[in-house]
Amino acid sequence: MPQHRHISAILLAGTIFLAGSPSASRTQELTEPSLKSFYDKARQIMTDDEARVFKSLPDEKSRAEFIQEFWAVRDPNPETPENEAQVEFEKRSRYAALWFGAHNPYKGRDPGGEIKNLAGLNEERGRVYVLLGKPDVIVFFDGMNETTSYDGSRSRLRFDQWGLEQWIYEKLYTHVIFRRSDGGAWIIDSFRSNFFDLLEWAKLNWLQADQPREVKAWFRFSAAYGPGGLQITLPVERVSTDDRFRVELRIQVGVYRDGVKVDQIQETKTIEQTRENLFDGKDLKFSIPYTPGPKGSYIFDIVIHDLKASSPSKYRVLVRRSF
């Protein structure tokens, strides 16, 4: 066993809360059953920027549109009628609610129907399970002995007997150790260095265990508003190309003015590069033309998908600008 290092639950749980308090009226709107049900579960896979946008939307219509786009951007295969990411999310959420939580009433037994108690989703093991899915291997410790589950499954017979669990994601090249505290709550004890980057990545890119890629190689970009529109900068080491040194990107931009969505941009862009640019490590830059309408506070919600990558490679950036 590696030496354990206590990590506060805030490190994981804090990523889903907003850096600021919404107005009382907007907080109250989340008591609407459909919106509250969505947020209570989906916040587990929301990026911080998505949570900020969702909480800032002024009415139910805007939020319903947000929910539709929230799942569409995660759909691994838009050509099929079923959104596989949403289906898998529901399965993982149900499993987490049934198996995790300090005082879980289900203890792994599925009563059927709607699961009322979602405490298991808010435990750290539940959050990790929802984002990364079932581990390839789990090693359980009870203080004296260890038991290894080589397929990542759990047993109801020993539901409350473990004090330490090591989850190993072999093909994702990461692991995490959870420890049960004296009060019964499970917290993250130690982890591989890439673990939290992987969790953040999985919020937008629905990772499966058969997608072995290192986080450092995954697509990212930065954005700013400049003359004529949005200016995009791609670090060349984060971009995938084909054998002709072509970069292909699917671009989606939601434009919000004073909290209301006013425009949507969708396009596919191909960038021809030279071997010299790629090997010299130069940034790739391009613009997305856009002229704002009436004066106001604008948010540009930019999602770019690297289509040449061998596994899901989307990244999201918010740009704020007042005109």
C-alpha atoms as a PDB file:
ATOM      1  CA  MET A   1       0.000   0.000   0.000  1.00  0.00           C
ATOM      2  CA  PRO A   2       1.270   3.514  -0.741  1.00  0.00           C
ATOM      3  CA  GLN A   3       1.728   5.952   2.090  1.00  0.00           C
ATOM      4  CA  HIS A   4      -1.583   7.738   2.652  1.00  0.00           C
ATOM      5  CA  ARG A   5      -2.045  11.461   2.397  1.00  0.00           C
ATOM      6  CA  HIS A   6      -5.315  12.933   3.696  1.00  0.00           C
ATOM      7  CA  ILE A   7      -7.116  15.094   1.151  1.00  0.00           C
ATOM      8  CA  SER A   8     -10.034  17.211   2.312  1.00  0.00           C
ATOM      9  CA  ALA A   9     -13.388  16.429   0.745  1.00  0.00           C
ATOM     10  CA  ILE A  10     -13.464  20.067  -0.324  1.00  0.00           C
ATOM     11  CA  LEU A  11     -10.940  19.322  -3.094  1.00  0.00           C
ATOM     12  CA  LEU A  12     -13.447  17.100  -4.853  1.00  0.00           C
ATOM     13  CA  ALA A  13     -16.781  18.473  -3.738  1.00  0.00           C
ATOM     14  CA  GLY A  14     -15.685  22.059  -4.207  1.00  0.00           C
ATOM     15  CA  THR A  15     -15.468  21.700  -7.958  1.00  0.00           C
ATOM     16  CA  ILE A  16     -19.267  21.531  -8.254  1.00  0.00           C
ATOM     17  CA  PHE A  17     -20.175  24.621  -6.272  1.00  0.00           C
ATOM     18  CA  LEU A  18     -20.281  28.180  -7.545  1.00  0.00           C
ATOM     19  CA  ALA A  19     -17.792  30.863  -6.699  1.00  0.00           C
ATOM     20  CA  GLY A  20     -20.500  33.210  -5.512  1.00  0.00           C
ATOM     21  CA  SER A  21     -24.121  33.137  -4.435  1.00  0.00           C
ATOM     22  CA  PRO A  22     -26.990  33.497  -6.899  1.00  0.00           C
ATOM     23  CA  SER A  23     -29.814  35.888  -6.162  1.00  0.00           C
ATOM     24  CA  ALA A  24     -32.602  34.662  -3.897  1.00  0.00           C
ATOM     25  CA  SER A  25     -35.118  34.604  -6.758  1.00  0.00           C
ATOM     26  CA  ARG A  26     -32.905  32.459  -8.975  1.00  0.00           C
ATOM     27  CA  THR A  27     -32.097  30.078  -6.145  1.00  0.00           C
ATOM     28  CA  GLN A  28     -35.797  29.698  -5.482  1.00  0.00           C
ATOM     29  CA  GLU A  29     -36.416  28.758  -9.128  1.00  0.00           C
ATOM     30  CA  LEU A  30     -34.376  25.604  -8.604  1.00  0.00           C
ATOM     31  CA  THR A  31     -37.181  24.277  -6.412  1.00  0.00           C
ATOM     32  CA  GLU A  32     -39.112  23.568  -9.626  1.00  0.00           C
ATOM     33  CA  PRO A  33     -39.123  19.738  -9.600  1.00  0.00           C
ATOM     34  CA  SER A  34     -37.728  19.097 -13.094  1.00  0.00           C
ATOM     35  CA  LEU A  35     -34.934  21.668 -12.761  1.00  0.00           C
ATOM     36  CA  LYS A  36     -34.010  20.641  -9.228  1.00  0.00           C
ATOM     37  CA  SER A  37     -33.939  16.954 -10.175  1.00  0.00           C
ATOM     38  CA  PHE A  38     -31.625  17.701 -13.097  1.00  0.00           C
ATOM     39  CA  TYR A  39     -29.275  19.873 -11.055  1.00  0.00           C
ATOM     40  CA  ASP A  40     -29.138  17.561  -8.028  1.00  0.00           C
ATOM     41  CA  LYS A  41     -27.777  14.753 -10.197  1.00  0.00           C
ATOM     42  CA  ALA A  42     -26.107  16.423 -13.171  1.00  0.00           C
ATOM     43  CA  ARG A  43     -24.007  18.792 -11.041  1.00  0.00           C
ATOM     44  CA  GLN A  44     -21.752  15.766 -10.517  1.00  0.00           C
ATOM     45  CA  ILE A  45     -20.591  16.083 -14.127  1.00  0.00           C
ATOM     46  CA  MET A  46     -21.037  19.838 -14.624  1.00  0.00           C
ATOM     47  CA  THR A  47     -17.972  21.943 -15.234  1.00  0.00           C
ATOM     48  CA  ASP A  48     -17.710  25.042 -13.065  1.00  0.00           C
ATOM     49  CA  ASP A  49     -18.527  27.211 -16.076  1.00  0.00           C
ATOM     50  CA  GLU A  50     -21.633  25.173 -16.895  1.00  0.00           C
ATOM     51  CA  ALA A  51     -22.867  25.504 -13.312  1.00  0.00           C
ATOM     52  CA  ARG A  52     -22.381  29.272 -13.451  1.00  0.00           C
ATOM     53  CA  VAL A  53     -24.284  29.565 -16.723  1.00  0.00           C
ATOM     54  CA  PHE A  54     -27.126  27.332 -15.512  1.00  0.00           C
ATOM     55  CA  LYS A  55     -27.561  29.249 -12.266  1.00  0.00           C
ATOM     56  CA  SER A  56     -27.561  32.575 -14.114  1.00  0.00           C
ATOM     57  CA  LEU A  57     -30.331  31.715 -16.586  1.00  0.00           C
ATOM     58  CA  PRO A  58     -33.452  33.769 -15.869  1.00  0.00           C
ATOM     59  CA  ASP A  59     -36.339  31.415 -16.651  1.00  0.00           C
ATOM     60  CA  GLU A  60     -37.461  27.816 -17.089  1.00  0.00           C
ATOM     61  CA  LYS A  61     -37.396  28.018 -20.895  1.00  0.00           C
ATOM     62  CA  SER A  62     -33.721  29.033 -20.908  1.00  0.00           C
ATOM     63  CA  ARG A  63     -32.833  26.267 -18.483  1.00  0.00           C
ATOM     64  CA  ALA A  64     -34.750  23.648 -20.464  1.00  0.00           C
ATOM     65  CA  GLU A  65     -32.729  24.643 -23.531  1.00  0.00           C
ATOM     66  CA  PHE A  66     -29.534  24.460 -21.473  1.00  0.00           C
ATOM     67  CA  ILE A  67     -30.379  20.900 -20.334  1.00  0.00           C
ATOM     68  CA  GLN A  68     -30.924  19.783 -23.924  1.00  0.00           C
ATOM     69  CA  GLU A  69     -27.570  21.209 -25.002  1.00  0.00           C
ATOM     70  CA  PHE A  70     -25.867  19.913 -21.856  1.00  0.00           C
ATOM     71  CA  TRP A  71     -26.554  16.338 -22.949  1.00  0.00           C
ATOM     72  CA  ALA A  72     -26.051  16.986 -26.658  1.00  0.00           C
ATOM     73  CA  VAL A  73     -22.469  18.158 -26.168  1.00  0.00           C
ATOM     74  CA  ARG A  74     -21.683  14.915 -24.300  1.00  0.00           C
ATOM     75  CA  ASP A  75     -23.295  12.597 -26.846  1.00  0.00           C
ATOM     76  CA  PRO A  76     -20.482  10.338 -28.133  1.00  0.00           C
ATOM     77  CA  ASN A  77     -22.452   9.410 -31.236  1.00  0.00           C
ATOM     78  CA  PRO A  78     -24.903  12.120 -32.370  1.00  0.00           C
ATOM     79  CA  GLU A  79     -25.844   9.986 -35.390  1.00  0.00           C
ATOM     80  CA  THR A  80     -27.798   7.544 -33.214  1.00  0.00           C
ATOM     81  CA  PRO A  81     -31.208   8.343 -31.663  1.00  0.00           C
ATOM     82  CA  GLU A  82     -29.994   7.387 -28.178  1.00  0.00           C
ATOM     83  CA  ASN A  83     -27.611   9.565 -26.207  1.00  0.00           C
ATOM     84  CA  GLU A  84     -25.275   6.910 -24.820  1.00  0.00           C
ATOM     85  CA  ALA A  85     -23.665   9.322 -22.362  1.00  0.00           C
ATOM     86  CA  GLN A  86     -27.002  10.223 -20.777  1.00  0.00           C
ATOM     87  CA  VAL A  87     -28.051   6.567 -20.533  1.00  0.00           C
ATOM     88  CA  GLU A  88     -24.737   5.611 -18.945  1.00  0.00           C
ATOM     89  CA  PHE A  89     -24.936   8.562 -16.553  1.00  0.00           C
ATOM     90  CA  GLU A  90     -28.325   7.381 -15.290  1.00  0.00           C
ATOM     91  CA  LYS A  91     -26.965   3.857 -14.747  1.00  0.00           C
ATOM     92  CA  ARG A  92     -23.927   5.104 -12.846  1.00  0.00           C
ATOM     93  CA  SER A  93     -26.012   7.504 -10.763  1.00  0.00           C
ATOM     94  CA  ARG A  94     -28.363   4.720  -9.736  1.00  0.00           C
ATOM     95  CA  TYR A  95     -25.473   2.438  -8.810  1.00  0.00           C
ATOM     96  CA  ALA A  96     -23.830   5.197  -6.743  1.00  0.00           C
ATOM     97  CA  ALA A  97     -27.102   5.892  -4.902  1.00  0.00           C
ATOM     98  CA  LEU A  98     -27.523   2.187  -4.094  1.00  0.00           C
ATOM     99  CA  TRP A  99     -23.982   1.406  -2.955  1.00  0.00           C
ATOM    100  CA  PHE A 100     -22.380   4.515  -1.425  1.00  0.00           C
ATOM    101  CA  GLY A 101     -23.078   6.845   1.489  1.00  0.00           C
ATOM    102  CA  ALA A 102     -22.276   6.476   5.185  1.00  0.00           C
ATOM    103  CA  HIS A 103     -25.848   5.520   6.136  1.00  0.00           C
ATOM    104  CA  ASN A 104     -27.119   4.025   2.902  1.00  0.00           C
ATOM    105  CA  PRO A 105     -30.621   2.541   3.394  1.00  0.00           C
ATOM    106  CA  TYR A 106     -30.312   0.341   0.279  1.00  0.00           C
ATOM    107  CA  LYS A 107     -26.933  -1.338   1.004  1.00  0.00           C
ATOM    108  CA  GLY A 108     -26.665  -2.437  -2.604  1.00  0.00           C
ATOM    109  CA  ARG A 109     -30.219  -3.782  -2.898  1.00  0.00           C
ATOM    110  CA  ASP A 110     -32.236  -2.198  -5.701  1.00  0.00           C
ATOM    111  CA  PRO A 111     -35.847  -1.631  -4.587  1.00  0.00           C
ATOM    112  CA  GLY A 112     -36.958  -0.784  -8.122  1.00  0.00           C
ATOM    113  CA  GLY A 113     -38.658   2.426  -9.182  1.00  0.00           C
ATOM    114  CA  GLU A 114     -37.314   5.884  -8.479  1.00  0.00           C
ATOM    115  CA  ILE A 115     -34.433   6.152  -6.010  1.00  0.00           C
ATOM    116  CA  LYS A 116     -35.390   8.787  -3.446  1.00  0.00           C
ATOM    117  CA  ASN A 117     -32.219   8.891  -1.361  1.00  0.00           C
ATOM    118  CA  LEU A 118     -29.328  10.317  -3.431  1.00  0.00           C
ATOM    119  CA  ALA A 119     -26.821  10.613  -0.585  1.00  0.00           C
ATOM    120  CA  GLY A 120     -24.568   8.062  -2.290  1.00  0.00           C
ATOM    121  CA  LEU A 121     -24.054  10.431  -5.221  1.00  0.00           C
ATOM    122  CA  ASN A 122     -22.722  13.096  -2.874  1.00  0.00           C
ATOM    123  CA  GLU A 123     -20.170  10.830  -1.234  1.00  0.00           C
ATOM    124  CA  GLU A 124     -16.704  10.975  -2.766  1.00  0.00           C
ATOM    125  CA  ARG A 125     -16.837   7.357  -3.949  1.00  0.00           C
ATOM    126  CA  GLY A 126     -20.166   8.124  -5.620  1.00  0.00           C
ATOM    127  CA  ARG A 127     -18.825  11.184  -7.415  1.00  0.00           C
ATOM    128  CA  VAL A 128     -15.831   9.301  -8.731  1.00  0.00           C
ATOM    129  CA  TYR A 129     -17.982   6.365  -9.842  1.00  0.00           C
ATOM    130  CA  VAL A 130     -20.336   8.655 -11.764  1.00  0.00           C
ATOM    131  CA  LEU A 131     -17.437  10.341 -13.570  1.00  0.00           C
ATOM    132  CA  LEU A 132     -15.143   7.382 -14.271  1.00  0.00           C
ATOM    133  CA  GLY A 133     -17.458   4.382 -14.027  1.00  0.00           C
ATOM    134  CA  LYS A 134     -16.670   1.017 -12.472  1.00  0.00           C
ATOM    135  CA  PRO A 135     -12.992   0.480 -11.590  1.00  0.00           C
ATOM    136  CA  ASP A 136     -11.140  -2.353 -13.280  1.00  0.00           C
ATOM    137  CA  VAL A 137      -9.958  -3.616  -9.874  1.00  0.00           C
ATOM    138  CA  ILE A 138     -10.908  -2.812  -6.260  1.00  0.00           C
ATOM    139  CA  VAL A 139      -8.745  -3.818  -3.305  1.00  0.00           C
ATOM    140  CA  PHE A 140     -10.691  -3.797   0.002  1.00  0.00           C
ATOM    141  CA  PHE A 141      -8.997  -3.557   3.432  1.00  0.00           C
ATOM    142  CA  ASP A 142     -10.637  -4.174   6.798  1.00  0.00           C
ATOM    143  CA  GLY A 143      -7.599  -3.350   8.946  1.00  0.00           C
ATOM    144  CA  MET A 144      -6.288  -6.918   9.049  1.00  0.00           C
ATOM    145  CA  ASN A 145      -6.898  -8.488   5.673  1.00  0.00           C
ATOM    146  CA  GLU A 146      -7.410  -7.478   2.109  1.00  0.00           C
ATOM    147  CA  THR A 147      -9.754  -8.784  -0.546  1.00  0.00           C
ATOM    148  CA  THR A 148      -9.366  -8.072  -4.253  1.00  0.00           C
ATOM    149  CA  SER A 149     -12.253  -7.749  -6.687  1.00  0.00           C
ATOM    150  CA  TYR A 150     -10.701  -8.298 -10.093  1.00  0.00           C
ATOM    151  CA  ASP A 151     -13.786  -7.116 -11.977  1.00  0.00           C
ATOM    152  CA  GLY A 152     -14.593  -4.053  -9.839  1.00  0.00           C
ATOM    153  CA  SER A 153     -17.756  -5.577  -8.349  1.00  0.00           C
ATOM    154  CA  ARG A 154     -18.922  -5.287  -4.733  1.00  0.00           C
ATOM    155  CA  SER A 155     -20.595  -7.692  -2.280  1.00  0.00           C
ATOM    156  CA  ARG A 156     -23.638  -6.890  -0.145  1.00  0.00           C
ATOM    157  CA  LEU A 157     -22.459  -9.450   2.414  1.00  0.00           C
ATOM    158  CA  ARG A 158     -19.613  -7.208   3.560  1.00  0.00           C
ATOM    159  CA  PHE A 159     -21.162  -3.821   2.800  1.00  0.00           C
ATOM    160  CA  ASP A 160     -20.037  -2.095   6.039  1.00  0.00           C
ATOM    161  CA  GLN A 161     -16.874  -4.031   6.894  1.00  0.00           C
ATOM    162  CA  TRP A 162     -14.240  -2.221   4.849  1.00  0.00           C
ATOM    163  CA  GLY A 163     -12.172   0.692   6.130  1.00  0.00           C
ATOM    164  CA  LEU A 164     -10.063   1.333   3.033  1.00  0.00           C
ATOM    165  CA  GLU A 165     -10.649   0.853  -0.688  1.00  0.00           C
ATOM    166  CA  GLN A 166      -8.201   1.209  -3.539  1.00  0.00           C
ATOM    167  CA  TRP A 167      -9.832   1.723  -6.941  1.00  0.00           C
ATOM    168  CA  ILE A 168      -7.609   0.965  -9.918  1.00  0.00           C
ATOM    169  CA  TYR A 169      -8.437   2.173 -13.429  1.00  0.00           C
ATOM    170  CA  GLU A 170      -5.823   0.246 -15.372  1.00  0.00           C
ATOM    171  CA  LYS A 171      -6.531   1.578 -18.856  1.00  0.00           C
ATOM    172  CA  LEU A 172      -6.899   5.133 -17.636  1.00  0.00           C
ATOM    173  CA  TYR A 173      -3.527   4.889 -15.871  1.00  0.00           C
ATOM    174  CA  THR A 174      -4.806   6.113 -12.536  1.00  0.00           C
ATOM    175  CA  HIS A 175      -5.904   4.983  -9.088  1.00  0.00           C
ATOM    176  CA  VAL A 176      -7.429   6.442  -5.939  1.00  0.00           C
ATOM    177  CA  ILE A 177      -7.643   5.272  -2.317  1.00  0.00           C
ATOM    178  CA  PHE A 178     -10.682   6.032  -0.158  1.00  0.00           C
ATOM    179  CA  ARG A 179     -10.636   5.850   3.641  1.00  0.00           C
ATOM    180  CA  ARG A 180     -13.588   5.634   6.004  1.00  0.00           C
ATOM    181  CA  SER A 181     -13.283   8.287   8.693  1.00  0.00           C
ATOM    182  CA  ASP A 182     -14.131   7.772  12.352  1.00  0.00           C
ATOM    183  CA  GLY A 183     -17.534   9.348  11.710  1.00  0.00           C
ATOM    184  CA  GLY A 184     -18.288   6.870   8.956  1.00  0.00           C
ATOM    185  CA  ALA A 185     -17.870   9.233   5.977  1.00  0.00           C
ATOM    186  CA  TRP A 186     -15.648   8.080   3.128  1.00  0.00           C
ATOM    187  CA  ILE A 187     -12.961  10.518   1.991  1.00  0.00           C
ATOM    188  CA  ILE A 188     -10.183  10.486  -0.585  1.00  0.00           C
ATOM    189  CA  ASP A 189      -6.954   9.446   1.095  1.00  0.00           C
ATOM    190  CA  SER A 190      -4.408   9.350  -1.738  1.00  0.00           C
ATOM    191  CA  PHE A 191      -4.337   9.218  -5.513  1.00  0.00           C
ATOM    192  CA  ARG A 192      -2.147   9.219  -8.596  1.00  0.00           C
ATOM    193  CA  SER A 193      -0.979  12.643  -9.774  1.00  0.00           C
ATOM    194  CA  ASN A 194      -3.227  12.680 -12.852  1.00  0.00           C
ATOM    195  CA  PHE A 195      -6.397  11.764 -10.942  1.00  0.00           C
ATOM    196  CA  PHE A 196      -8.048  15.172 -10.478  1.00  0.00           C
ATOM    197  CA  ASP A 197      -7.199  16.274 -14.019  1.00  0.00           C
ATOM    198  CA  LEU A 198      -8.901  13.103 -15.181  1.00  0.00           C
ATOM    199  CA  LEU A 199     -12.030  13.873 -13.141  1.00  0.00           C
ATOM    200  CA  GLU A 200     -12.289  17.355 -14.616  1.00  0.00           C
ATOM    201  CA  TRP A 201     -11.772  15.992 -18.125  1.00  0.00           C
ATOM    202  CA  ALA A 202     -14.456  13.340 -17.651  1.00  0.00           C
ATOM    203  CA  LYS A 203     -17.080  15.987 -16.839  1.00  0.00           C
ATOM    204  CA  LEU A 204     -17.202  16.946 -20.510  1.00  0.00           C
ATOM    205  CA  ASN A 205     -15.675  13.916 -22.225  1.00  0.00           C
ATOM    206  CA  TRP A 206     -17.597  10.797 -21.265  1.00  0.00           C
ATOM    207  CA  LEU A 207     -14.675   8.502 -20.556  1.00  0.00           C
ATOM    208  CA  GLN A 208     -14.857   4.738 -20.850  1.00  0.00           C
ATOM    209  CA  ALA A 209     -12.262   2.326 -19.498  1.00  0.00           C
ATOM    210  CA  ASP A 210     -11.230   1.283 -23.027  1.00  0.00           C
ATOM    211  CA  GLN A 211      -9.927   4.765 -23.877  1.00  0.00           C
ATOM    212  CA  PRO A 212      -6.306   4.730 -22.684  1.00  0.00           C
ATOM    213  CA  ARG A 213      -4.858   8.224 -23.151  1.00  0.00           C
ATOM    214  CA  GLU A 214      -2.722  10.360 -20.925  1.00  0.00           C
ATOM    215  CA  VAL A 215      -4.301  13.619 -19.738  1.00  0.00           C
ATOM    216  CA  LYS A 216      -1.293  15.658 -20.833  1.00  0.00           C
ATOM    217  CA  ALA A 217      -1.966  14.770 -24.474  1.00  0.00           C
ATOM    218  CA  TRP A 218      -5.602  15.833 -24.512  1.00  0.00           C
ATOM    219  CA  PHE A 219      -6.979  18.782 -26.405  1.00  0.00           C
ATOM    220  CA  ARG A 220      -7.191  22.252 -24.868  1.00  0.00           C
ATOM    221  CA  PHE A 221      -7.452  25.834 -26.068  1.00  0.00           C
ATOM    222  CA  SER A 222      -7.712  29.415 -24.826  1.00  0.00           C
ATOM    223  CA  ALA A 223     -10.020  32.132 -26.097  1.00  0.00           C
ATOM    224  CA  ALA A 224     -10.517  35.895 -25.945  1.00  0.00           C
ATOM    225  CA  TYR A 225     -12.688  38.448 -27.697  1.00  0.00           C
ATOM    226  CA  GLY A 226     -10.755  40.684 -30.070  1.00  0.00           C
ATOM    227  CA  PRO A 227     -11.263  42.707 -33.222  1.00  0.00           C
ATOM    228  CA  GLY A 228     -13.881  41.010 -35.362  1.00  0.00           C
ATOM    229  CA  GLY A 229     -14.798  38.208 -33.018  1.00  0.00           C
ATOM    230  CA  LEU A 230     -13.458  35.380 -30.866  1.00  0.00           C
ATOM    231  CA  GLN A 231      -9.736  34.658 -31.043  1.00  0.00           C
ATOM    232  CA  ILE A 232      -8.825  31.005 -30.443  1.00  0.00           C
ATOM    233  CA  THR A 233      -5.329  29.777 -29.533  1.00  0.00           C
ATOM    234  CA  LEU A 234      -4.489  26.071 -29.704  1.00  0.00           C
ATOM    235  CA  PRO A 235      -1.252  24.809 -28.125  1.00  0.00           C
ATOM    236  CA  VAL A 236       0.112  22.607 -30.897  1.00  0.00           C
ATOM    237  CA  GLU A 237       1.088  19.831 -28.493  1.00  0.00           C
ATOM    238  CA  ARG A 238      -2.585  19.503 -27.502  1.00  0.00           C
ATOM    239  CA  VAL A 239      -3.925  19.033 -31.037  1.00  0.00           C
ATOM    240  CA  SER A 240      -4.273  15.833 -33.073  1.00  0.00           C
ATOM    241  CA  THR A 241      -3.540  15.726 -36.796  1.00  0.00           C
ATOM    242  CA  ASP A 242      -3.834  13.233 -39.616  1.00  0.00           C
ATOM    243  CA  ASP A 243      -0.929  12.072 -41.783  1.00  0.00           C
ATOM    244  CA  ARG A 244      -1.256  15.240 -43.888  1.00  0.00           C
ATOM    245  CA  PHE A 245      -0.865  17.471 -40.824  1.00  0.00           C
ATOM    246  CA  ARG A 246      -4.499  18.602 -40.923  1.00  0.00           C
ATOM    247  CA  VAL A 247      -6.362  19.666 -37.794  1.00  0.00           C
ATOM    248  CA  GLU A 248     -10.145  19.234 -37.850  1.00  0.00           C
ATOM    249  CA  LEU A 249     -12.356  20.883 -35.246  1.00  0.00           C
ATOM    250  CA  ARG A 250     -16.087  20.979 -34.539  1.00  0.00           C
ATOM    251  CA  ILE A 251     -16.950  24.359 -33.023  1.00  0.00           C
ATOM    252  CA  GLN A 252     -20.049  25.296 -31.037  1.00  0.00           C
ATOM    253  CA  VAL A 253     -20.561  28.694 -29.438  1.00  0.00           C
ATOM    254  CA  GLY A 254     -23.576  29.698 -27.359  1.00  0.00           C
ATOM    255  CA  VAL A 255     -23.933  33.463 -27.028  1.00  0.00           C
ATOM    256  CA  TYR A 256     -25.699  34.878 -23.947  1.00  0.00           C
ATOM    257  CA  ARG A 257     -26.597  38.541 -23.396  1.00  0.00           C
ATOM    258  CA  ASP A 258     -27.606  39.572 -19.872  1.00  0.00           C
ATOM    259  CA  GLY A 259     -28.291  35.931 -18.975  1.00  0.00           C
ATOM    260  CA  VAL A 260     -30.436  35.145 -22.044  1.00  0.00           C
ATOM    261  CA  LYS A 261     -29.237  33.040 -24.975  1.00  0.00           C
ATOM    262  CA  VAL A 262     -29.376  35.149 -28.120  1.00  0.00           C
ATOM    263  CA  ASP A 263     -27.299  33.268 -30.680  1.00  0.00           C
ATOM    264  CA  GLN A 264     -25.724  29.931 -31.572  1.00  0.00           C
ATOM    265  CA  ILE A 265     -22.693  29.325 -33.815  1.00  0.00           C
ATOM    266  CA  GLN A 266     -21.849  25.894 -35.219  1.00  0.00           C
ATOM    267  CA  GLU A 267     -19.150  25.140 -37.741  1.00  0.00           C
ATOM    268  CA  THR A 268     -16.441  22.655 -38.661  1.00  0.00           C
ATOM    269  CA  LYS A 269     -12.978  24.038 -39.296  1.00  0.00           C
ATOM    270  CA  THR A 270      -9.996  22.394 -40.993  1.00  0.00           C
ATOM    271  CA  ILE A 271      -6.548  23.877 -40.469  1.00  0.00           C
ATOM    272  CA  GLU A 272      -3.711  22.883 -42.807  1.00  0.00           C
ATOM    273  CA  GLN A 273      -0.372  22.878 -41.051  1.00  0.00           C
ATOM    274  CA  THR A 274       3.243  22.366 -42.009  1.00  0.00           C
ATOM    275  CA  ARG A 275       5.566  19.853 -40.445  1.00  0.00           C
ATOM    276  CA  GLU A 276       7.780  22.762 -39.317  1.00  0.00           C
ATOM    277  CA  ASN A 277       4.978  24.468 -37.385  1.00  0.00           C
ATOM    278  CA  LEU A 278       3.971  21.267 -35.651  1.00  0.00           C
ATOM    279  CA  PHE A 279       7.482  20.235 -34.665  1.00  0.00           C
ATOM    280  CA  ASP A 280       8.494  23.758 -33.648  1.00  0.00           C
ATOM    281  CA  GLY A 281       5.664  23.772 -31.131  1.00  0.00           C
ATOM    282  CA  LYS A 282       4.063  26.957 -32.408  1.00  0.00           C
ATOM    283  CA  ASP A 283       0.531  27.824 -31.314  1.00  0.00           C
ATOM    284  CA  LEU A 284      -2.227  27.521 -33.887  1.00  0.00           C
ATOM    285  CA  LYS A 285      -4.512  30.552 -34.033  1.00  0.00           C
ATOM    286  CA  PHE A 286      -7.778  31.350 -35.779  1.00  0.00           C
ATOM    287  CA  SER A 287     -10.809  33.551 -35.286  1.00  0.00           C
ATOM    288  CA  ILE A 288     -14.567  32.973 -35.106  1.00  0.00           C
ATOM    289  CA  PRO A 289     -16.184  36.087 -36.598  1.00  0.00           C
ATOM    290  CA  TYR A 290     -18.945  37.585 -34.480  1.00  0.00           C
ATOM    291  CA  THR A 291     -20.484  41.036 -34.220  1.00  0.00           C
ATOM    292  CA  PRO A 292     -22.468  41.626 -31.007  1.00  0.00           C
ATOM    293  CA  GLY A 293     -25.978  43.051 -31.109  1.00  0.00           C
ATOM    294  CA  PRO A 294     -27.423  45.441 -28.518  1.00  0.00           C
ATOM    295  CA  LYS A 295     -25.243  46.616 -25.648  1.00  0.00           C
ATOM    296  CA  GLY A 296     -25.069  44.338 -22.652  1.00  0.00           C
ATOM    297  CA  SER A 297     -23.030  41.802 -20.711  1.00  0.00           C
ATOM    298  CA  TYR A 298     -22.133  38.908 -23.005  1.00  0.00           C
ATOM    299  CA  ILE A 299     -20.993  35.365 -22.301  1.00  0.00           C
ATOM    300  CA  PHE A 300     -19.542  33.265 -25.126  1.00  0.00           C
ATOM    301  CA  ASP A 301     -19.775  29.574 -24.205  1.00  0.00           C
ATOM    302  CA  ILE A 302     -17.244  27.905 -26.525  1.00  0.00           C
ATOM    303  CA  VAL A 303     -16.997  24.124 -26.966  1.00  0.00           C
ATOM    304  CA  ILE A 304     -14.462  22.753 -29.446  1.00  0.00           C
ATOM    305  CA  HIS A 305     -14.143  19.065 -30.301  1.00  0.00           C
ATOM    306  CA  ASP A 306     -10.850  17.760 -31.721  1.00  0.00           C
ATOM    307  CA  LEU A 307     -12.181  15.435 -34.421  1.00  0.00           C
ATOM    308  CA  LYS A 308      -8.805  13.856 -35.226  1.00  0.00           C
ATOM    309  CA  ALA A 309      -8.279  12.572 -31.669  1.00  0.00           C
ATOM    310  CA  SER A 310      -8.553   8.832 -31.091  1.00  0.00           C
ATOM    311  CA  SER A 311     -10.843   9.258 -28.066  1.00  0.00           C
ATOM    312  CA  PRO A 312     -13.240  12.008 -26.919  1.00  0.00           C
ATOM    313  CA  SER A 313     -11.400  15.328 -26.860  1.00  0.00           C
ATOM    314  CA  LYS A 314     -13.679  18.264 -26.144  1.00  0.00           C
ATOM    315  CA  TYR A 315     -12.797  21.343 -24.169  1.00  0.00           C
ATOM    316  CA  ARG A 316     -14.943  24.252 -22.977  1.00  0.00           C
ATOM    317  CA  VAL A 317     -14.060  27.888 -22.312  1.00  0.00           C
ATOM    318  CA  LEU A 318     -16.252  30.840 -21.276  1.00  0.00           C
ATOM    319  CA  VAL A 319     -15.403  34.335 -22.483  1.00  0.00           C
ATOM    320  CA  ARG A 320     -17.108  37.302 -20.771  1.00  0.00           C
ATOM    321  CA  ARG A 321     -17.264  40.724 -22.411  1.00  0.00           C
ATOM    322  CA  SER A 322     -19.407  43.823 -22.000  1.00  0.00           C
ATOM    323  CA  PHE A 323     -20.218  45.973 -25.016  1.00  0.00           C
END
